[in-house]
């Protein structure tokens, strides 16, 4: 192994990196808890733990800038740190079995969390007493749907996913005779009908 590679392995297995990652995770949890009230649990988790960087919007200048490593970056760094530490510092012995199991358990938690982030999908099937249901709904993602009844058994549906919901944006489709303009968008809100058959609002 070259000297350059040895320096990389030494840096990855450093206890200082371990302490930094664990401390940074604590900072993320604290910051997410503070913003959970305004953003909601799902949006706060996505902002702090489901990205490589934590982005902060500076409203005075109207720009966003990275201010802290995100959960994915810290998780990958901690995974590499623990793995490198096994091969450089830890030697197998029966009296160190507990430490081995502890480190392997943390590695499995990190891998399991990453696989869950990539593959998991959650939805809810709400059934009131005496009712039937044939579909489930996402509790995290929203969409704007324009539905038109074609006949007694068929509806024409146009759906705009949450990724398109930005303030000031126009939503249009070739099958619709109109455009929708998003005046305001609140990620942590519930839609309700205010007055009139076609007027809607939102409450946080």
N, C-alpha and C. Protein backbone atom coordinates (compact mmCIF):
# COMPACT_ATOMS: atom_id res chain seq x y z
N UNK A 1 0.85 -1.20 0.00
CA UNK A 1 0.00 0.00 0.00
C UNK A 1 0.89 1.25 0.00
N UNK A 2 0.60 2.19 -0.88
CA UNK A 2 1.40 3.41 -0.98
C UNK A 2 1.17 4.31 0.23
N UNK A 3 2.09 5.26 0.41
CA UNK A 3 1.96 6.21 1.52
C UNK A 3 0.68 7.04 1.40
N UNK A 4 0.31 7.38 0.16
CA UNK A 4 -0.91 8.17 -0.06
C UNK A 4 -2.15 7.39 0.38
N UNK A 5 -2.20 6.10 0.01
CA UNK A 5 -3.33 5.26 0.41
C UNK A 5 -3.36 5.07 1.91
N UNK A 6 -2.18 4.93 2.53
CA UNK A 6 -2.12 4.77 3.98
C UNK A 6 -2.65 6.01 4.69
N UNK A 7 -2.35 7.19 4.15
CA UNK A 7 -2.85 8.43 4.77
C UNK A 7 -4.37 8.51 4.66
N UNK A 8 -4.91 8.04 3.53
CA UNK A 8 -6.37 8.06 3.35
C UNK A 8 -7.03 7.11 4.35
N UNK A 9 -6.49 5.90 4.47
CA UNK A 9 -7.06 4.91 5.40
C UNK A 9 -6.95 5.42 6.83
N UNK A 10 -5.82 6.04 7.17
CA UNK A 10 -5.63 6.57 8.52
C UNK A 10 -6.64 7.67 8.83
N UNK A 11 -6.91 8.54 7.83
CA UNK A 11 -7.88 9.61 8.03
C UNK A 11 -9.30 9.05 8.17
N UNK A 12 -9.62 8.04 7.38
CA UNK A 12 -10.96 7.45 7.44
C UNK A 12 -11.21 6.72 8.76
N UNK A 13 -10.15 6.12 9.32
CA UNK A 13 -10.30 5.36 10.56
C UNK A 13 -10.09 6.21 11.81
N UNK A 14 -9.91 7.52 11.64
CA UNK A 14 -9.62 8.41 12.77
C UNK A 14 -10.79 8.49 13.75
N UNK A 15 -10.48 8.47 15.03
CA UNK A 15 -11.50 8.66 16.06
C UNK A 15 -12.07 10.08 16.02
N UNK A 16 -11.28 11.04 15.55
CA UNK A 16 -11.77 12.40 15.41
C UNK A 16 -12.92 12.47 14.40
N UNK A 17 -12.82 11.69 13.32
CA UNK A 17 -13.91 11.63 12.34
C UNK A 17 -15.15 11.00 12.95
N UNK A 18 -14.96 9.99 13.79
CA UNK A 18 -16.10 9.37 14.48
C UNK A 18 -16.83 10.38 15.35
N UNK A 19 -16.06 11.11 16.16
CA UNK A 19 -16.66 12.10 17.06
C UNK A 19 -17.35 13.20 16.26
N UNK A 20 -16.72 13.63 15.15
CA UNK A 20 -17.33 14.67 14.32
C UNK A 20 -18.67 14.21 13.75
N UNK A 21 -18.70 13.00 13.20
CA UNK A 21 -19.95 12.49 12.60
C UNK A 21 -21.06 12.37 13.63
N UNK A 22 -20.74 11.81 14.80
CA UNK A 22 -21.76 11.66 15.84
C UNK A 22 -22.25 13.01 16.34
N UNK A 23 -21.32 13.97 16.51
CA UNK A 23 -21.72 15.30 16.95
C UNK A 23 -22.57 16.00 15.89
N UNK A 24 -22.18 15.85 14.63
CA UNK A 24 -22.94 16.47 13.54
C UNK A 24 -24.34 15.86 13.45
N UNK A 25 -24.47 14.55 13.69
CA UNK A 25 -25.79 13.93 13.71
C UNK A 25 -26.66 14.53 14.81
N UNK A 26 -26.07 14.79 15.97
CA UNK A 26 -26.81 15.41 17.06
C UNK A 26 -27.29 16.81 16.67
N UNK A 27 -26.44 17.56 15.97
CA UNK A 27 -26.83 18.89 15.51
C UNK A 27 -27.99 18.80 14.53
N UNK A 28 -27.94 17.82 13.61
CA UNK A 28 -29.04 17.65 12.65
C UNK A 28 -30.34 17.31 13.34
N UNK A 29 -30.28 16.41 14.32
CA UNK A 29 -31.49 16.04 15.05
C UNK A 29 -32.08 17.24 15.77
N UNK A 30 -31.22 18.04 16.40
CA UNK A 30 -31.69 19.22 17.12
C UNK A 30 -32.31 20.24 16.16
N UNK A 31 -31.64 20.50 15.03
CA UNK A 31 -32.16 21.46 14.06
C UNK A 31 -33.47 20.96 13.44
N UNK A 32 -33.55 19.68 13.14
CA UNK A 32 -34.77 19.12 12.57
C UNK A 32 -35.94 19.22 13.54
N UNK A 33 -35.65 19.00 14.83
CA UNK A 33 -36.70 19.10 15.85
C UNK A 33 -37.25 20.53 15.93
N UNK A 34 -36.37 21.52 15.81
CA UNK A 34 -36.82 22.91 15.86
C UNK A 34 -37.71 23.27 14.67
N UNK A 35 -37.37 22.75 13.49
CA UNK A 35 -38.12 23.10 12.28
C UNK A 35 -39.31 22.18 12.03
N UNK A 36 -39.44 21.14 12.82
CA UNK A 36 -40.53 20.20 12.61
C UNK A 36 -41.89 20.85 12.78
N UNK A 37 -41.97 21.85 13.67
CA UNK A 37 -43.26 22.51 13.90
C UNK A 37 -43.75 23.28 12.69
N UNK A 38 -42.84 23.89 11.93
CA UNK A 38 -43.24 24.69 10.78
C UNK A 38 -43.25 23.90 9.48
N UNK A 39 -42.29 22.97 9.32
CA UNK A 39 -42.20 22.20 8.09
C UNK A 39 -42.98 20.90 8.14
N UNK A 40 -43.19 20.36 9.33
CA UNK A 40 -43.74 19.02 9.43
C UNK A 40 -42.63 17.99 9.47
N UNK A 41 -42.94 16.81 10.01
CA UNK A 41 -41.91 15.78 10.19
C UNK A 41 -41.31 15.34 8.87
N UNK A 42 -42.14 15.11 7.86
CA UNK A 42 -41.65 14.58 6.59
C UNK A 42 -40.72 15.57 5.89
N UNK A 43 -41.13 16.85 5.78
CA UNK A 43 -40.31 17.84 5.11
C UNK A 43 -39.02 18.13 5.88
N UNK A 44 -39.11 18.17 7.21
CA UNK A 44 -37.91 18.41 8.01
C UNK A 44 -36.92 17.26 7.87
N UNK A 45 -37.42 16.04 7.87
CA UNK A 45 -36.53 14.88 7.69
C UNK A 45 -35.88 14.91 6.31
N UNK A 46 -36.65 15.27 5.30
CA UNK A 46 -36.10 15.34 3.94
C UNK A 46 -35.03 16.42 3.84
N UNK A 47 -35.24 17.54 4.51
CA UNK A 47 -34.29 18.66 4.44
C UNK A 47 -32.97 18.32 5.11
N UNK A 48 -33.01 17.67 6.27
CA UNK A 48 -31.80 17.47 7.05
C UNK A 48 -31.16 16.09 6.88
N UNK A 49 -31.94 15.06 6.59
CA UNK A 49 -31.38 13.72 6.59
C UNK A 49 -31.41 13.03 5.22
N UNK A 50 -32.16 13.54 4.27
CA UNK A 50 -32.28 12.85 2.98
C UNK A 50 -31.58 13.62 1.87
N UNK A 51 -30.46 14.20 2.19
CA UNK A 51 -29.69 14.94 1.19
C UNK A 51 -28.21 14.91 1.54
N UNK A 52 -27.38 15.23 0.56
CA UNK A 52 -25.95 15.28 0.80
C UNK A 52 -25.56 16.52 1.59
N UNK A 53 -26.31 17.61 1.41
CA UNK A 53 -26.04 18.87 2.09
C UNK A 53 -27.34 19.46 2.63
N UNK A 54 -27.22 20.23 3.69
CA UNK A 54 -28.35 20.99 4.21
C UNK A 54 -28.30 22.38 3.59
N UNK A 55 -29.37 22.74 2.89
CA UNK A 55 -29.43 24.03 2.20
C UNK A 55 -30.26 25.01 3.01
N UNK A 56 -29.79 26.22 3.10
CA UNK A 56 -30.48 27.28 3.84
C UNK A 56 -30.81 28.41 2.88
N UNK A 57 -32.05 28.89 2.95
CA UNK A 57 -32.47 29.96 2.07
C UNK A 57 -32.26 31.31 2.74
N UNK A 58 -31.45 32.15 2.11
CA UNK A 58 -31.22 33.51 2.59
C UNK A 58 -32.21 34.43 1.88
N UNK A 59 -33.33 34.71 2.56
CA UNK A 59 -34.42 35.43 1.93
C UNK A 59 -34.03 36.85 1.53
N UNK A 60 -33.07 37.44 2.24
CA UNK A 60 -32.66 38.80 1.93
C UNK A 60 -32.09 38.91 0.52
N UNK A 61 -31.34 37.87 0.10
CA UNK A 61 -30.74 37.88 -1.24
C UNK A 61 -31.46 36.95 -2.21
N UNK A 62 -32.41 36.16 -1.69
CA UNK A 62 -33.15 35.26 -2.55
C UNK A 62 -32.33 34.11 -3.11
N UNK A 63 -31.38 33.62 -2.35
CA UNK A 63 -30.53 32.52 -2.80
C UNK A 63 -30.49 31.43 -1.73
N UNK A 64 -30.11 30.22 -2.17
CA UNK A 64 -29.91 29.10 -1.26
C UNK A 64 -28.44 28.70 -1.28
N UNK A 65 -27.93 28.33 -0.12
CA UNK A 65 -26.52 27.94 -0.03
C UNK A 65 -26.39 26.78 0.95
N UNK A 66 -25.44 25.86 0.70
CA UNK A 66 -25.21 24.75 1.65
C UNK A 66 -24.53 25.27 2.92
N UNK A 67 -25.05 24.85 4.07
CA UNK A 67 -24.52 25.33 5.34
C UNK A 67 -24.02 24.21 6.24
N UNK A 68 -24.32 22.93 5.89
CA UNK A 68 -23.96 21.83 6.79
C UNK A 68 -24.04 20.53 6.00
N UNK A 69 -23.22 19.54 6.33
CA UNK A 69 -23.36 18.24 5.66
C UNK A 69 -24.68 17.58 6.03
N UNK A 70 -25.31 16.95 5.04
CA UNK A 70 -26.60 16.31 5.26
C UNK A 70 -26.47 14.91 5.83
N UNK A 71 -27.60 14.29 6.10
CA UNK A 71 -27.60 12.97 6.71
C UNK A 71 -26.94 11.90 5.85
N UNK A 72 -27.13 11.97 4.52
CA UNK A 72 -26.50 10.97 3.64
C UNK A 72 -24.98 11.08 3.67
N UNK A 73 -24.47 12.31 3.66
CA UNK A 73 -23.02 12.50 3.71
C UNK A 73 -22.44 12.00 5.03
N UNK A 74 -23.08 12.35 6.13
CA UNK A 74 -22.57 11.92 7.44
C UNK A 74 -22.70 10.41 7.61
N UNK A 75 -23.80 9.84 7.12
CA UNK A 75 -23.97 8.39 7.22
C UNK A 75 -22.91 7.64 6.44
N UNK A 76 -22.60 8.11 5.23
CA UNK A 76 -21.56 7.47 4.42
C UNK A 76 -20.19 7.63 5.07
N UNK A 77 -19.91 8.82 5.61
CA UNK A 77 -18.63 9.05 6.27
C UNK A 77 -18.47 8.17 7.51
N UNK A 78 -19.54 8.03 8.29
CA UNK A 78 -19.47 7.19 9.49
C UNK A 78 -19.33 5.73 9.12
N UNK A 79 -20.01 5.29 8.05
CA UNK A 79 -19.89 3.90 7.59
C UNK A 79 -18.44 3.60 7.19
N UNK A 80 -17.83 4.48 6.39
CA UNK A 80 -16.44 4.29 5.98
C UNK A 80 -15.51 4.33 7.18
N UNK A 81 -15.80 5.21 8.13
CA UNK A 81 -14.99 5.34 9.33
C UNK A 81 -15.00 4.06 10.17
N UNK A 82 -16.17 3.49 10.39
CA UNK A 82 -16.26 2.26 11.18
C UNK A 82 -15.62 1.09 10.44
N UNK A 83 -15.84 1.03 9.12
CA UNK A 83 -15.28 -0.07 8.34
C UNK A 83 -13.76 0.01 8.33
N UNK A 84 -13.21 1.21 8.13
CA UNK A 84 -11.75 1.36 8.13
C UNK A 84 -11.17 1.08 9.51
N UNK A 85 -11.90 1.47 10.55
CA UNK A 85 -11.43 1.22 11.91
C UNK A 85 -11.31 -0.26 12.21
N UNK A 86 -12.20 -1.09 11.65
CA UNK A 86 -12.14 -2.53 11.86
C UNK A 86 -10.84 -3.11 11.32
N UNK A 87 -10.41 -2.63 10.18
CA UNK A 87 -9.25 -3.22 9.51
C UNK A 87 -7.92 -2.63 10.00
N UNK A 88 -7.98 -1.50 10.71
CA UNK A 88 -6.73 -0.86 11.12
C UNK A 88 -6.48 -0.94 12.63
N UNK A 89 -7.52 -0.78 13.42
CA UNK A 89 -7.31 -0.70 14.87
C UNK A 89 -7.75 -1.95 15.63
N UNK A 90 -8.83 -2.59 15.16
CA UNK A 90 -9.42 -3.67 15.95
C UNK A 90 -8.82 -5.02 15.57
N UNK A 91 -8.43 -5.76 16.58
CA UNK A 91 -7.93 -7.11 16.40
C UNK A 91 -8.91 -8.09 17.03
N UNK A 92 -9.06 -9.25 16.36
CA UNK A 92 -10.03 -10.21 16.87
C UNK A 92 -9.54 -10.88 18.15
N UNK A 93 -10.42 -10.87 19.15
CA UNK A 93 -10.17 -11.58 20.40
C UNK A 93 -11.52 -11.78 21.08
N UNK A 94 -11.63 -12.89 21.84
CA UNK A 94 -12.92 -13.19 22.47
C UNK A 94 -13.32 -12.11 23.48
N UNK A 95 -12.34 -11.50 24.14
CA UNK A 95 -12.69 -10.47 25.13
C UNK A 95 -13.10 -9.15 24.47
N UNK A 96 -12.98 -9.07 23.15
CA UNK A 96 -13.44 -7.88 22.42
C UNK A 96 -14.69 -8.17 21.60
N UNK A 97 -15.36 -9.29 21.89
CA UNK A 97 -16.54 -9.68 21.12
C UNK A 97 -17.65 -8.63 21.22
N UNK A 98 -17.82 -8.05 22.39
CA UNK A 98 -18.87 -7.05 22.57
C UNK A 98 -18.65 -5.82 21.69
N UNK A 99 -17.39 -5.37 21.59
CA UNK A 99 -17.08 -4.21 20.75
C UNK A 99 -17.33 -4.54 19.28
N UNK A 100 -16.95 -5.76 18.87
CA UNK A 100 -17.20 -6.18 17.48
C UNK A 100 -18.70 -6.17 17.18
N UNK A 101 -19.50 -6.74 18.07
CA UNK A 101 -20.94 -6.79 17.85
C UNK A 101 -21.55 -5.39 17.81
N UNK A 102 -21.04 -4.50 18.66
CA UNK A 102 -21.54 -3.12 18.68
C UNK A 102 -21.27 -2.42 17.35
N UNK A 103 -20.04 -2.55 16.85
CA UNK A 103 -19.69 -1.89 15.60
C UNK A 103 -20.43 -2.49 14.41
N UNK A 104 -20.54 -3.80 14.39
CA UNK A 104 -21.28 -4.46 13.30
C UNK A 104 -22.75 -4.06 13.33
N UNK A 105 -23.31 -3.92 14.54
CA UNK A 105 -24.70 -3.49 14.65
C UNK A 105 -24.92 -2.09 14.10
N UNK A 106 -23.98 -1.18 14.39
CA UNK A 106 -24.09 0.19 13.86
C UNK A 106 -23.97 0.19 12.34
N UNK A 107 -23.05 -0.63 11.81
CA UNK A 107 -22.91 -0.74 10.36
C UNK A 107 -24.19 -1.25 9.72
N UNK A 108 -24.82 -2.24 10.32
CA UNK A 108 -26.07 -2.78 9.78
C UNK A 108 -27.19 -1.73 9.86
N UNK A 109 -27.21 -0.93 10.92
CA UNK A 109 -28.21 0.13 11.02
C UNK A 109 -28.03 1.16 9.91
N UNK A 110 -26.79 1.53 9.62
CA UNK A 110 -26.52 2.49 8.56
C UNK A 110 -26.92 1.94 7.20
N UNK A 111 -26.57 0.67 6.93
CA UNK A 111 -26.94 0.06 5.65
C UNK A 111 -28.45 -0.08 5.54
N UNK A 112 -29.09 -0.51 6.63
CA UNK A 112 -30.55 -0.66 6.62
C UNK A 112 -31.26 0.66 6.41
N UNK A 113 -30.76 1.74 7.04
CA UNK A 113 -31.36 3.05 6.84
C UNK A 113 -31.23 3.54 5.42
N UNK A 114 -30.08 3.26 4.79
CA UNK A 114 -29.87 3.69 3.41
C UNK A 114 -30.76 2.91 2.45
N UNK A 115 -30.89 1.60 2.66
CA UNK A 115 -31.76 0.79 1.81
C UNK A 115 -33.22 1.23 1.97
N UNK A 116 -33.61 1.53 3.20
CA UNK A 116 -34.97 2.02 3.44
C UNK A 116 -35.22 3.33 2.73
N UNK A 117 -34.22 4.22 2.76
CA UNK A 117 -34.34 5.51 2.07
C UNK A 117 -34.53 5.31 0.57
N UNK A 118 -33.84 4.32 -0.02
CA UNK A 118 -33.91 4.10 -1.46
C UNK A 118 -35.17 3.36 -1.87
N UNK A 119 -35.61 2.39 -1.09
CA UNK A 119 -36.63 1.46 -1.55
C UNK A 119 -37.99 1.59 -0.87
N UNK A 120 -38.06 2.24 0.28
CA UNK A 120 -39.33 2.21 1.02
C UNK A 120 -40.38 3.10 0.37
N UNK A 121 -41.62 2.70 0.54
CA UNK A 121 -42.77 3.48 0.05
C UNK A 121 -43.91 3.27 1.04
N UNK A 122 -44.44 4.38 1.57
CA UNK A 122 -45.49 4.30 2.58
C UNK A 122 -46.79 4.91 2.05
N UNK A 123 -47.89 4.28 2.40
CA UNK A 123 -49.20 4.81 2.05
C UNK A 123 -50.21 4.34 3.09
N UNK A 124 -51.38 4.96 3.07
CA UNK A 124 -52.41 4.65 4.06
C UNK A 124 -53.71 4.29 3.34
N UNK A 125 -54.38 3.29 3.89
CA UNK A 125 -55.69 2.88 3.38
C UNK A 125 -56.72 3.25 4.44
N UNK A 126 -57.44 4.34 4.20
CA UNK A 126 -58.41 4.83 5.18
C UNK A 126 -59.78 4.23 4.89
N UNK A 127 -60.33 3.48 5.84
CA UNK A 127 -61.64 2.86 5.68
C UNK A 127 -62.49 3.24 6.88
N UNK A 128 -63.54 3.99 6.65
CA UNK A 128 -64.48 4.34 7.70
C UNK A 128 -65.44 3.18 7.94
N UNK A 129 -66.06 3.18 9.10
CA UNK A 129 -66.99 2.11 9.44
C UNK A 129 -68.12 2.02 8.44
N UNK A 130 -68.33 0.84 7.90
CA UNK A 130 -69.40 0.62 6.93
C UNK A 130 -69.02 0.94 5.50
N UNK A 131 -67.78 1.41 5.25
CA UNK A 131 -67.35 1.77 3.91
C UNK A 131 -66.41 0.72 3.34
N UNK A 132 -66.17 0.82 2.03
CA UNK A 132 -65.15 0.00 1.37
C UNK A 132 -64.17 0.94 0.66
N UNK A 133 -62.96 0.48 0.43
CA UNK A 133 -61.95 1.28 -0.26
C UNK A 133 -61.09 0.37 -1.11
N UNK A 134 -60.64 0.89 -2.25
CA UNK A 134 -59.84 0.10 -3.18
C UNK A 134 -58.52 0.78 -3.52
N UNK A 135 -58.15 1.82 -2.79
CA UNK A 135 -56.89 2.53 -3.07
C UNK A 135 -56.29 3.01 -1.77
N UNK A 136 -55.00 3.26 -1.80
CA UNK A 136 -54.30 3.81 -0.64
C UNK A 136 -53.73 5.17 -1.03
N UNK A 137 -53.49 6.00 -0.04
CA UNK A 137 -53.01 7.36 -0.26
C UNK A 137 -51.69 7.58 0.46
N UNK A 138 -50.84 8.39 -0.13
CA UNK A 138 -49.57 8.74 0.50
C UNK A 138 -49.82 9.80 1.56
N UNK A 139 -49.19 9.62 2.71
CA UNK A 139 -49.31 10.61 3.78
C UNK A 139 -48.25 11.69 3.67
N UNK A 140 -47.28 11.52 2.74
CA UNK A 140 -46.18 12.46 2.63
C UNK A 140 -46.25 13.30 1.35
N UNK A 141 -46.64 12.69 0.26
CA UNK A 141 -46.61 13.38 -1.03
C UNK A 141 -48.00 13.85 -1.43
N UNK A 142 -48.05 15.02 -2.07
CA UNK A 142 -49.31 15.60 -2.51
C UNK A 142 -49.31 15.72 -4.03
N UNK A 143 -50.46 15.98 -4.58
CA UNK A 143 -50.61 16.21 -6.00
C UNK A 143 -51.85 17.07 -6.24
N UNK A 144 -51.87 17.71 -7.38
CA UNK A 144 -53.05 18.44 -7.81
C UNK A 144 -53.71 17.62 -8.92
N UNK A 145 -54.97 17.28 -8.73
CA UNK A 145 -55.69 16.43 -9.67
C UNK A 145 -56.88 17.19 -10.24
N UNK A 146 -57.01 17.15 -11.55
CA UNK A 146 -58.19 17.69 -12.24
C UNK A 146 -58.95 16.51 -12.82
N UNK A 147 -60.15 16.28 -12.34
CA UNK A 147 -60.94 15.12 -12.76
C UNK A 147 -62.22 15.57 -13.46
N UNK A 148 -62.56 14.88 -14.52
CA UNK A 148 -63.78 15.17 -15.27
C UNK A 148 -64.50 13.86 -15.56
N UNK A 149 -65.78 13.82 -15.27
CA UNK A 149 -66.57 12.62 -15.49
C UNK A 149 -66.90 12.49 -16.98
N UNK A 150 -66.46 11.40 -17.59
CA UNK A 150 -66.74 11.14 -19.00
C UNK A 150 -68.08 10.44 -19.15
N UNK A 151 -68.29 9.40 -18.37
CA UNK A 151 -69.58 8.72 -18.33
C UNK A 151 -69.74 8.09 -16.96
N UNK A 152 -70.74 7.29 -16.78
CA UNK A 152 -71.04 6.73 -15.45
C UNK A 152 -69.95 5.82 -14.91
N UNK A 153 -69.06 5.33 -15.77
CA UNK A 153 -68.03 4.39 -15.32
C UNK A 153 -66.61 4.88 -15.61
N UNK A 154 -66.47 6.06 -16.18
CA UNK A 154 -65.14 6.52 -16.59
C UNK A 154 -64.92 7.97 -16.19
N UNK A 155 -63.75 8.24 -15.64
CA UNK A 155 -63.32 9.60 -15.32
C UNK A 155 -62.04 9.91 -16.10
N UNK A 156 -61.93 11.15 -16.56
CA UNK A 156 -60.69 11.63 -17.17
C UNK A 156 -59.91 12.40 -16.12
N UNK A 157 -58.68 11.97 -15.84
CA UNK A 157 -57.91 12.52 -14.72
C UNK A 157 -56.56 13.02 -15.23
N UNK A 158 -56.21 14.25 -14.82
CA UNK A 158 -54.90 14.81 -15.07
C UNK A 158 -54.27 15.11 -13.72
N UNK A 159 -53.07 14.58 -13.48
CA UNK A 159 -52.41 14.72 -12.18
C UNK A 159 -51.10 15.48 -12.34
N UNK A 160 -50.89 16.45 -11.44
CA UNK A 160 -49.63 17.20 -11.39
C UNK A 160 -48.93 16.83 -10.08
N UNK A 161 -47.77 16.17 -10.14
CA UNK A 161 -47.09 15.70 -8.92
C UNK A 161 -46.54 16.84 -8.09
N UNK A 162 -46.17 16.52 -6.87
CA UNK A 162 -45.70 17.52 -5.91
C UNK A 162 -44.46 18.26 -6.39
N UNK A 163 -43.62 17.60 -7.18
CA UNK A 163 -42.41 18.24 -7.66
C UNK A 163 -42.66 19.46 -8.53
N UNK A 164 -43.87 19.57 -9.10
CA UNK A 164 -44.21 20.71 -9.95
C UNK A 164 -44.87 21.85 -9.17
N UNK A 165 -45.13 21.63 -7.90
CA UNK A 165 -45.86 22.63 -7.12
C UNK A 165 -44.90 23.68 -6.58
N UNK A 166 -44.71 24.73 -7.34
CA UNK A 166 -43.85 25.84 -6.95
C UNK A 166 -44.61 27.14 -7.11
N UNK A 167 -44.38 28.07 -6.20
CA UNK A 167 -45.09 29.35 -6.23
C UNK A 167 -44.81 30.09 -7.54
N UNK A 168 -45.89 30.58 -8.16
CA UNK A 168 -45.77 31.33 -9.40
C UNK A 168 -45.75 30.48 -10.65
N UNK A 169 -45.73 29.17 -10.51
CA UNK A 169 -45.65 28.29 -11.67
C UNK A 169 -47.03 28.06 -12.27
N UNK A 170 -47.09 27.90 -13.60
CA UNK A 170 -48.32 27.57 -14.30
C UNK A 170 -48.33 26.08 -14.61
N UNK A 171 -49.45 25.43 -14.37
CA UNK A 171 -49.62 24.02 -14.67
C UNK A 171 -50.59 23.91 -15.84
N UNK A 172 -50.16 23.21 -16.87
CA UNK A 172 -51.01 23.06 -18.05
C UNK A 172 -50.87 21.66 -18.61
N UNK A 173 -51.86 21.25 -19.39
CA UNK A 173 -51.86 19.93 -20.03
C UNK A 173 -52.64 20.04 -21.33
N UNK A 174 -52.26 19.25 -22.31
CA UNK A 174 -52.89 19.33 -23.63
C UNK A 174 -54.37 19.00 -23.59
N UNK A 175 -54.81 18.22 -22.60
CA UNK A 175 -56.23 17.86 -22.52
C UNK A 175 -57.06 18.84 -21.72
N UNK A 176 -56.42 19.83 -21.11
CA UNK A 176 -57.16 20.81 -20.30
C UNK A 176 -57.34 22.11 -21.07
N UNK A 177 -58.54 22.70 -20.99
CA UNK A 177 -58.78 23.97 -21.70
C UNK A 177 -58.36 25.19 -20.89
N UNK A 178 -57.62 24.99 -19.81
CA UNK A 178 -57.20 26.10 -18.96
C UNK A 178 -55.85 25.78 -18.34
N UNK A 179 -55.27 26.79 -17.70
CA UNK A 179 -54.02 26.64 -16.96
C UNK A 179 -54.28 26.94 -15.48
N UNK A 180 -53.51 26.29 -14.64
CA UNK A 180 -53.56 26.56 -13.20
C UNK A 180 -52.31 27.32 -12.80
N UNK A 181 -52.48 28.37 -12.02
CA UNK A 181 -51.33 29.11 -11.50
C UNK A 181 -51.25 28.93 -10.00
N UNK A 182 -50.08 28.55 -9.51
CA UNK A 182 -49.89 28.34 -8.08
C UNK A 182 -49.52 29.69 -7.44
N UNK A 183 -50.42 30.22 -6.64
CA UNK A 183 -50.17 31.49 -5.98
C UNK A 183 -49.27 31.31 -4.77
N UNK A 184 -49.59 30.33 -3.91
CA UNK A 184 -48.79 30.02 -2.73
C UNK A 184 -48.76 28.51 -2.54
N UNK A 185 -47.65 28.01 -2.03
CA UNK A 185 -47.53 26.59 -1.76
C UNK A 185 -46.97 26.39 -0.36
N UNK A 186 -47.72 25.65 0.46
CA UNK A 186 -47.30 25.38 1.84
C UNK A 186 -47.06 23.88 1.97
N UNK A 187 -45.80 23.43 2.09
CA UNK A 187 -45.53 21.99 2.20
C UNK A 187 -46.20 21.33 3.39
N UNK A 188 -46.31 22.05 4.50
CA UNK A 188 -46.91 21.49 5.71
C UNK A 188 -48.29 22.11 5.89
N UNK A 189 -49.28 21.61 5.15
CA UNK A 189 -50.61 22.22 5.18
C UNK A 189 -51.67 21.18 4.84
N UNK A 190 -52.92 21.56 5.03
CA UNK A 190 -54.07 20.73 4.67
C UNK A 190 -55.02 21.58 3.83
N UNK A 191 -55.49 21.01 2.72
CA UNK A 191 -56.40 21.75 1.84
C UNK A 191 -57.81 21.74 2.42
N UNK A 192 -58.53 22.82 2.22
CA UNK A 192 -59.92 22.89 2.64
C UNK A 192 -60.67 23.79 1.68
N UNK A 193 -61.99 23.60 1.56
CA UNK A 193 -62.83 24.44 0.72
C UNK A 193 -63.32 25.61 1.56
N UNK A 194 -63.09 26.84 1.07
CA UNK A 194 -63.51 28.01 1.85
C UNK A 194 -64.89 28.46 1.43
N UNK A 195 -65.05 29.19 0.35
CA UNK A 195 -66.34 29.66 -0.07
C UNK A 195 -66.50 29.44 -1.56
N UNK A 196 -67.69 29.05 -1.97
CA UNK A 196 -67.93 28.85 -3.39
C UNK A 196 -67.51 27.48 -3.85
N UNK A 197 -68.02 27.02 -4.99
CA UNK A 197 -67.75 25.68 -5.47
C UNK A 197 -66.34 25.48 -6.02
N UNK A 198 -65.60 26.58 -6.30
CA UNK A 198 -64.29 26.40 -6.92
C UNK A 198 -63.19 27.18 -6.21
N UNK A 199 -63.44 27.57 -4.96
CA UNK A 199 -62.45 28.33 -4.21
C UNK A 199 -61.88 27.46 -3.11
N UNK A 200 -60.56 27.33 -3.08
CA UNK A 200 -59.90 26.51 -2.07
C UNK A 200 -58.86 27.33 -1.33
N UNK A 201 -58.53 26.92 -0.15
CA UNK A 201 -57.48 27.55 0.62
C UNK A 201 -56.61 26.49 1.25
N UNK A 202 -55.71 26.94 2.12
CA UNK A 202 -54.82 25.99 2.80
C UNK A 202 -54.53 26.54 4.16
N UNK A 203 -54.38 25.64 5.12
CA UNK A 203 -54.04 26.04 6.48
C UNK A 203 -52.85 25.23 6.94
N UNK A 204 -51.94 25.86 7.65
CA UNK A 204 -50.78 25.16 8.17
C UNK A 204 -51.10 24.57 9.54
